[in-house]
N, C-alpha and C. Protein backbone atom coordinates (compact mmCIF):
# COMPACT_ATOMS: atom_id res chain seq x y z
N MET A 1 -19.76 -24.77 -4.91
CA MET A 1 -20.27 -26.06 -4.50
C MET A 1 -20.16 -26.19 -2.98
N LYS A 2 -21.20 -26.65 -2.37
CA LYS A 2 -21.26 -26.78 -0.92
C LYS A 2 -20.30 -27.87 -0.44
N LYS A 3 -19.52 -27.55 0.59
CA LYS A 3 -18.57 -28.51 1.14
C LYS A 3 -19.29 -29.45 2.10
N THR A 4 -18.77 -30.66 2.18
CA THR A 4 -19.34 -31.63 3.10
C THR A 4 -18.94 -31.29 4.53
N ARG A 5 -19.61 -31.90 5.46
CA ARG A 5 -19.28 -31.72 6.88
C ARG A 5 -17.82 -32.10 7.13
N GLU A 6 -17.39 -33.21 6.54
CA GLU A 6 -16.01 -33.68 6.74
C GLU A 6 -15.00 -32.69 6.15
N GLN A 7 -15.30 -32.10 5.01
CA GLN A 7 -14.40 -31.11 4.42
C GLN A 7 -14.30 -29.87 5.31
N ARG A 8 -15.45 -29.44 5.85
CA ARG A 8 -15.45 -28.27 6.75
C ARG A 8 -14.69 -28.59 8.03
N ARG A 9 -14.90 -29.80 8.58
CA ARG A 9 -14.20 -30.19 9.80
C ARG A 9 -12.69 -30.24 9.58
N ALA A 10 -12.27 -30.80 8.44
CA ALA A 10 -10.84 -30.92 8.13
C ALA A 10 -10.20 -29.54 8.00
N LYS A 11 -10.90 -28.60 7.37
CA LYS A 11 -10.37 -27.24 7.22
C LYS A 11 -10.21 -26.56 8.58
N LEU A 12 -11.22 -26.70 9.43
CA LEU A 12 -11.15 -26.11 10.76
C LEU A 12 -10.07 -26.77 11.62
N ALA A 13 -9.94 -28.09 11.52
CA ALA A 13 -8.92 -28.80 12.29
C ALA A 13 -7.52 -28.36 11.86
N ALA A 14 -7.33 -28.16 10.56
CA ALA A 14 -6.03 -27.71 10.07
C ALA A 14 -5.71 -26.31 10.60
N LYS A 15 -6.71 -25.43 10.62
CA LYS A 15 -6.50 -24.08 11.15
C LYS A 15 -6.21 -24.14 12.65
N ALA A 16 -6.93 -24.97 13.39
CA ALA A 16 -6.68 -25.12 14.83
C ALA A 16 -5.26 -25.63 15.08
N ASP A 17 -4.83 -26.62 14.29
CA ASP A 17 -3.46 -27.14 14.43
C ASP A 17 -2.43 -26.05 14.16
N GLU A 18 -2.67 -25.23 13.14
CA GLU A 18 -1.77 -24.14 12.80
C GLU A 18 -1.67 -23.14 13.96
N ILE A 19 -2.79 -22.84 14.56
CA ILE A 19 -2.83 -21.88 15.68
C ILE A 19 -2.15 -22.46 16.91
N ILE A 20 -2.37 -23.72 17.17
CA ILE A 20 -1.70 -24.38 18.30
C ILE A 20 -0.19 -24.35 18.11
N GLU A 21 0.27 -24.64 16.90
CA GLU A 21 1.71 -24.59 16.61
C GLU A 21 2.27 -23.19 16.83
N CYS A 22 1.54 -22.17 16.41
CA CYS A 22 1.97 -20.78 16.63
C CYS A 22 2.11 -20.49 18.12
N LEU A 23 1.13 -20.92 18.89
CA LEU A 23 1.17 -20.69 20.33
C LEU A 23 2.36 -21.42 20.97
N LEU A 24 2.56 -22.67 20.60
CA LEU A 24 3.68 -23.43 21.16
C LEU A 24 5.02 -22.84 20.75
N ASP A 25 5.13 -22.39 19.49
CA ASP A 25 6.37 -21.73 19.03
C ASP A 25 6.62 -20.47 19.84
N TRP A 26 5.58 -19.67 20.02
CA TRP A 26 5.72 -18.43 20.79
C TRP A 26 6.15 -18.73 22.21
N THR A 27 5.55 -19.77 22.81
CA THR A 27 5.89 -20.15 24.18
C THR A 27 7.36 -20.53 24.30
N GLU A 28 7.86 -21.26 23.31
CA GLU A 28 9.27 -21.69 23.34
C GLU A 28 10.23 -20.54 23.06
N GLU A 29 9.79 -19.56 22.27
CA GLU A 29 10.67 -18.45 21.87
C GLU A 29 10.64 -17.27 22.84
N THR A 30 9.65 -17.20 23.70
CA THR A 30 9.48 -16.04 24.57
C THR A 30 9.86 -16.40 26.00
N GLU A 31 10.91 -15.75 26.46
CA GLU A 31 11.38 -16.01 27.83
C GLU A 31 10.59 -15.18 28.83
N LYS A 32 10.12 -15.81 29.86
CA LYS A 32 9.45 -15.16 30.99
C LYS A 32 8.42 -14.11 30.56
N PRO A 33 7.42 -14.51 29.78
CA PRO A 33 6.39 -13.52 29.40
C PRO A 33 5.55 -13.17 30.62
N ASN A 34 5.08 -11.93 30.62
CA ASN A 34 4.16 -11.55 31.69
C ASN A 34 2.74 -11.90 31.26
N LEU A 35 1.80 -11.74 32.18
CA LEU A 35 0.42 -12.13 31.91
C LEU A 35 -0.17 -11.34 30.73
N THR A 36 0.15 -10.06 30.63
CA THR A 36 -0.36 -9.25 29.53
C THR A 36 0.12 -9.77 28.18
N GLN A 37 1.40 -10.13 28.10
CA GLN A 37 1.94 -10.68 26.85
C GLN A 37 1.25 -12.00 26.49
N ILE A 38 1.04 -12.83 27.49
CA ILE A 38 0.36 -14.12 27.25
C ILE A 38 -1.07 -13.86 26.77
N GLU A 39 -1.76 -12.96 27.46
CA GLU A 39 -3.12 -12.63 27.05
C GLU A 39 -3.16 -12.10 25.62
N ASP A 40 -2.23 -11.24 25.28
CA ASP A 40 -2.20 -10.65 23.93
C ASP A 40 -2.07 -11.72 22.85
N VAL A 41 -1.16 -12.66 23.04
CA VAL A 41 -0.98 -13.69 22.02
C VAL A 41 -2.16 -14.64 21.97
N VAL A 42 -2.71 -14.98 23.12
CA VAL A 42 -3.87 -15.89 23.16
C VAL A 42 -5.08 -15.22 22.51
N LEU A 43 -5.32 -13.95 22.81
CA LEU A 43 -6.46 -13.26 22.22
C LEU A 43 -6.31 -13.10 20.70
N LYS A 44 -5.10 -12.84 20.25
CA LYS A 44 -4.85 -12.73 18.80
C LYS A 44 -5.13 -14.06 18.11
N LEU A 45 -4.60 -15.14 18.67
CA LEU A 45 -4.81 -16.46 18.06
C LEU A 45 -6.26 -16.90 18.16
N ARG A 46 -6.91 -16.58 19.27
CA ARG A 46 -8.33 -16.89 19.40
C ARG A 46 -9.14 -16.17 18.33
N GLY A 47 -8.76 -14.94 18.04
CA GLY A 47 -9.44 -14.17 17.00
C GLY A 47 -9.29 -14.83 15.63
N GLU A 48 -8.10 -15.34 15.34
CA GLU A 48 -7.88 -16.02 14.06
C GLU A 48 -8.75 -17.26 13.93
N LEU A 49 -8.84 -18.02 15.01
CA LEU A 49 -9.69 -19.22 14.98
C LEU A 49 -11.17 -18.84 14.89
N SER A 50 -11.55 -17.78 15.58
CA SER A 50 -12.94 -17.32 15.51
C SER A 50 -13.33 -16.94 14.08
N ILE A 51 -12.44 -16.24 13.39
CA ILE A 51 -12.73 -15.85 12.00
C ILE A 51 -12.85 -17.09 11.12
N ALA A 52 -11.96 -18.05 11.28
CA ALA A 52 -12.02 -19.28 10.47
C ALA A 52 -13.33 -20.03 10.73
N MET A 53 -13.75 -20.08 11.98
CA MET A 53 -15.00 -20.75 12.31
C MET A 53 -16.19 -20.01 11.70
N LEU A 54 -16.17 -18.71 11.81
CA LEU A 54 -17.24 -17.89 11.26
C LEU A 54 -17.34 -18.04 9.74
N GLU A 55 -16.19 -17.97 9.06
CA GLU A 55 -16.18 -18.14 7.61
C GLU A 55 -16.73 -19.51 7.20
N THR A 56 -16.36 -20.54 7.94
CA THR A 56 -16.82 -21.89 7.63
C THR A 56 -18.33 -22.01 7.76
N VAL A 57 -18.87 -21.47 8.83
CA VAL A 57 -20.32 -21.56 9.06
C VAL A 57 -21.08 -20.69 8.06
N VAL A 58 -20.62 -19.47 7.83
CA VAL A 58 -21.31 -18.58 6.88
C VAL A 58 -21.27 -19.17 5.48
N ASP A 59 -20.13 -19.73 5.09
CA ASP A 59 -19.99 -20.30 3.75
C ASP A 59 -20.95 -21.46 3.52
N ALA A 60 -21.35 -22.14 4.57
CA ALA A 60 -22.25 -23.29 4.43
C ALA A 60 -23.73 -22.89 4.37
N GLN A 61 -24.01 -21.62 4.61
CA GLN A 61 -25.41 -21.18 4.64
C GLN A 61 -25.99 -21.09 3.23
N GLU A 62 -27.26 -21.27 3.15
CA GLU A 62 -27.98 -21.21 1.87
C GLU A 62 -27.79 -19.87 1.18
N SER A 63 -27.63 -18.79 1.94
CA SER A 63 -27.54 -17.47 1.34
C SER A 63 -26.30 -17.28 0.48
N VAL A 64 -25.29 -18.13 0.65
CA VAL A 64 -24.10 -18.01 -0.19
C VAL A 64 -24.07 -19.06 -1.28
N GLN A 65 -25.05 -19.95 -1.29
CA GLN A 65 -25.17 -20.97 -2.32
C GLN A 65 -25.99 -20.39 -3.48
N PRO A 66 -25.87 -20.94 -4.70
CA PRO A 66 -26.69 -20.44 -5.79
C PRO A 66 -28.17 -20.50 -5.43
N ALA A 67 -28.85 -19.39 -5.60
CA ALA A 67 -30.27 -19.30 -5.27
C ALA A 67 -31.10 -19.63 -6.50
N GLU A 68 -32.33 -20.01 -6.26
CA GLU A 68 -33.24 -20.33 -7.36
C GLU A 68 -34.19 -19.16 -7.59
N ALA A 69 -34.51 -18.91 -8.84
CA ALA A 69 -35.51 -17.92 -9.25
C ALA A 69 -35.25 -16.54 -8.64
N VAL A 70 -34.06 -16.03 -8.81
CA VAL A 70 -33.74 -14.69 -8.32
C VAL A 70 -34.28 -13.69 -9.34
N THR A 71 -35.06 -12.75 -8.85
CA THR A 71 -35.60 -11.73 -9.74
C THR A 71 -35.03 -10.37 -9.38
N CYS A 72 -34.96 -9.52 -10.37
CA CYS A 72 -34.41 -8.18 -10.20
C CYS A 72 -35.35 -7.36 -9.31
N PRO A 73 -34.82 -6.74 -8.27
CA PRO A 73 -35.68 -5.93 -7.40
C PRO A 73 -36.18 -4.65 -8.09
N LYS A 74 -35.53 -4.26 -9.19
CA LYS A 74 -35.92 -3.03 -9.89
C LYS A 74 -37.00 -3.29 -10.94
N CYS A 75 -36.76 -4.31 -11.81
CA CYS A 75 -37.70 -4.53 -12.91
C CYS A 75 -38.50 -5.83 -12.80
N GLY A 76 -38.12 -6.71 -11.86
CA GLY A 76 -38.86 -7.95 -11.65
C GLY A 76 -38.53 -9.09 -12.61
N ARG A 77 -37.59 -8.88 -13.51
CA ARG A 77 -37.21 -9.93 -14.47
C ARG A 77 -36.21 -10.90 -13.82
N PRO A 78 -36.13 -12.12 -14.38
CA PRO A 78 -35.17 -13.09 -13.85
C PRO A 78 -33.73 -12.60 -14.02
N MET A 79 -32.95 -12.83 -13.00
CA MET A 79 -31.53 -12.44 -13.04
C MET A 79 -30.69 -13.65 -13.42
N ARG A 80 -29.51 -13.40 -13.95
CA ARG A 80 -28.61 -14.46 -14.38
C ARG A 80 -27.51 -14.66 -13.34
N TYR A 81 -27.26 -15.93 -13.04
CA TYR A 81 -26.19 -16.28 -12.10
C TYR A 81 -24.86 -16.03 -12.79
N LYS A 82 -23.98 -15.27 -12.15
CA LYS A 82 -22.69 -14.91 -12.73
C LYS A 82 -21.51 -15.58 -12.00
N GLY A 83 -21.83 -16.54 -11.13
CA GLY A 83 -20.77 -17.22 -10.38
C GLY A 83 -20.61 -16.62 -9.00
N ARG A 84 -19.61 -17.13 -8.30
CA ARG A 84 -19.35 -16.65 -6.94
C ARG A 84 -18.29 -15.56 -6.98
N ARG A 85 -18.49 -14.57 -6.13
CA ARG A 85 -17.54 -13.47 -6.01
C ARG A 85 -17.18 -13.29 -4.55
N ASP A 86 -15.96 -12.84 -4.36
CA ASP A 86 -15.49 -12.61 -3.00
C ASP A 86 -16.17 -11.37 -2.42
N LYS A 87 -16.47 -11.46 -1.16
CA LYS A 87 -17.11 -10.37 -0.43
C LYS A 87 -16.51 -10.36 0.97
N GLN A 88 -16.23 -9.18 1.50
CA GLN A 88 -15.73 -9.09 2.87
C GLN A 88 -16.80 -8.40 3.72
N LEU A 89 -17.16 -9.06 4.80
CA LEU A 89 -18.15 -8.52 5.73
C LEU A 89 -17.47 -8.24 7.06
N GLU A 90 -17.91 -7.21 7.73
CA GLU A 90 -17.38 -6.89 9.05
C GLU A 90 -18.31 -7.50 10.08
N SER A 91 -17.77 -8.37 10.92
CA SER A 91 -18.57 -9.02 11.96
C SER A 91 -18.05 -8.58 13.32
N ARG A 92 -18.71 -9.00 14.37
CA ARG A 92 -18.22 -8.68 15.72
C ARG A 92 -16.89 -9.35 15.99
N ALA A 93 -16.60 -10.46 15.29
CA ALA A 93 -15.33 -11.16 15.48
C ALA A 93 -14.22 -10.57 14.61
N GLY A 94 -14.58 -9.73 13.65
CA GLY A 94 -13.60 -9.13 12.74
C GLY A 94 -14.04 -9.29 11.30
N ALA A 95 -13.14 -8.99 10.37
CA ALA A 95 -13.45 -9.07 8.94
C ALA A 95 -13.53 -10.53 8.51
N VAL A 96 -14.61 -10.86 7.80
CA VAL A 96 -14.85 -12.23 7.34
C VAL A 96 -14.86 -12.23 5.82
N ASP A 97 -14.01 -13.07 5.21
CA ASP A 97 -13.98 -13.21 3.77
C ASP A 97 -14.85 -14.39 3.36
N LEU A 98 -15.70 -14.17 2.38
CA LEU A 98 -16.51 -15.28 1.88
C LEU A 98 -16.82 -15.05 0.41
N ALA A 99 -17.20 -16.13 -0.25
CA ALA A 99 -17.62 -16.05 -1.64
C ALA A 99 -19.12 -16.27 -1.67
N ARG A 100 -19.84 -15.38 -2.33
CA ARG A 100 -21.29 -15.48 -2.42
C ARG A 100 -21.70 -15.51 -3.88
N GLY A 101 -22.85 -16.12 -4.11
CA GLY A 101 -23.41 -16.13 -5.45
C GLY A 101 -23.73 -14.71 -5.89
N TYR A 102 -23.38 -14.37 -7.12
CA TYR A 102 -23.64 -13.03 -7.66
C TYR A 102 -24.56 -13.15 -8.86
N TYR A 103 -25.54 -12.28 -8.95
CA TYR A 103 -26.53 -12.29 -10.03
C TYR A 103 -26.57 -10.92 -10.69
N ALA A 104 -26.87 -10.91 -11.97
CA ALA A 104 -27.00 -9.65 -12.70
C ALA A 104 -28.26 -9.68 -13.56
N CYS A 105 -28.89 -8.53 -13.64
CA CYS A 105 -30.09 -8.40 -14.47
C CYS A 105 -29.65 -8.04 -15.89
N PRO A 106 -30.03 -8.83 -16.89
CA PRO A 106 -29.63 -8.52 -18.26
C PRO A 106 -30.30 -7.24 -18.79
N ARG A 107 -31.41 -6.85 -18.19
CA ARG A 107 -32.11 -5.65 -18.65
C ARG A 107 -31.58 -4.39 -17.95
N CYS A 108 -31.58 -4.40 -16.62
CA CYS A 108 -31.17 -3.21 -15.84
C CYS A 108 -29.67 -3.15 -15.59
N GLU A 109 -29.01 -4.27 -15.75
CA GLU A 109 -27.59 -4.41 -15.43
C GLU A 109 -27.31 -4.19 -13.94
N ARG A 110 -28.33 -4.41 -13.14
CA ARG A 110 -28.19 -4.30 -11.69
C ARG A 110 -27.62 -5.60 -11.14
N GLY A 111 -26.68 -5.52 -10.18
CA GLY A 111 -26.10 -6.70 -9.56
C GLY A 111 -26.70 -6.95 -8.19
N LEU A 112 -26.60 -8.21 -7.74
CA LEU A 112 -27.21 -8.58 -6.47
C LEU A 112 -26.48 -9.76 -5.85
N PHE A 113 -26.24 -9.66 -4.54
CA PHE A 113 -25.74 -10.78 -3.73
C PHE A 113 -26.90 -11.23 -2.86
N PRO A 114 -27.66 -12.27 -3.27
CA PRO A 114 -28.77 -12.71 -2.40
C PRO A 114 -28.24 -13.13 -1.03
N PRO A 115 -29.02 -12.96 0.01
CA PRO A 115 -30.43 -12.62 -0.01
C PRO A 115 -30.71 -11.13 -0.11
N GLY A 116 -29.69 -10.29 -0.22
CA GLY A 116 -29.98 -8.86 -0.36
C GLY A 116 -28.73 -8.05 -0.31
């Protein structure tokens, strides 16, 4: 089921708060860090927020929502919706976990994650 804008915003805000707390904890626990150490922790935390943002936006796209009239690319018959399944994609920001609609052909037993 597609999340509302407010649900997506709340999830991202919670992740941002978690990352901010991690940064502040690190700052309090680390005595006299050098610039490289600061950069390392900031880049790591930025990466975590980037992945959360990417997952949120990708999850809201039509391609991960149940599609209408999906036909088997092999035999052309209608495919059956089998629910959402987890899928991991590699993006420029890193590995992104998402759940996509999964379809199966009752004739060919071929599976498909639309749009392809």
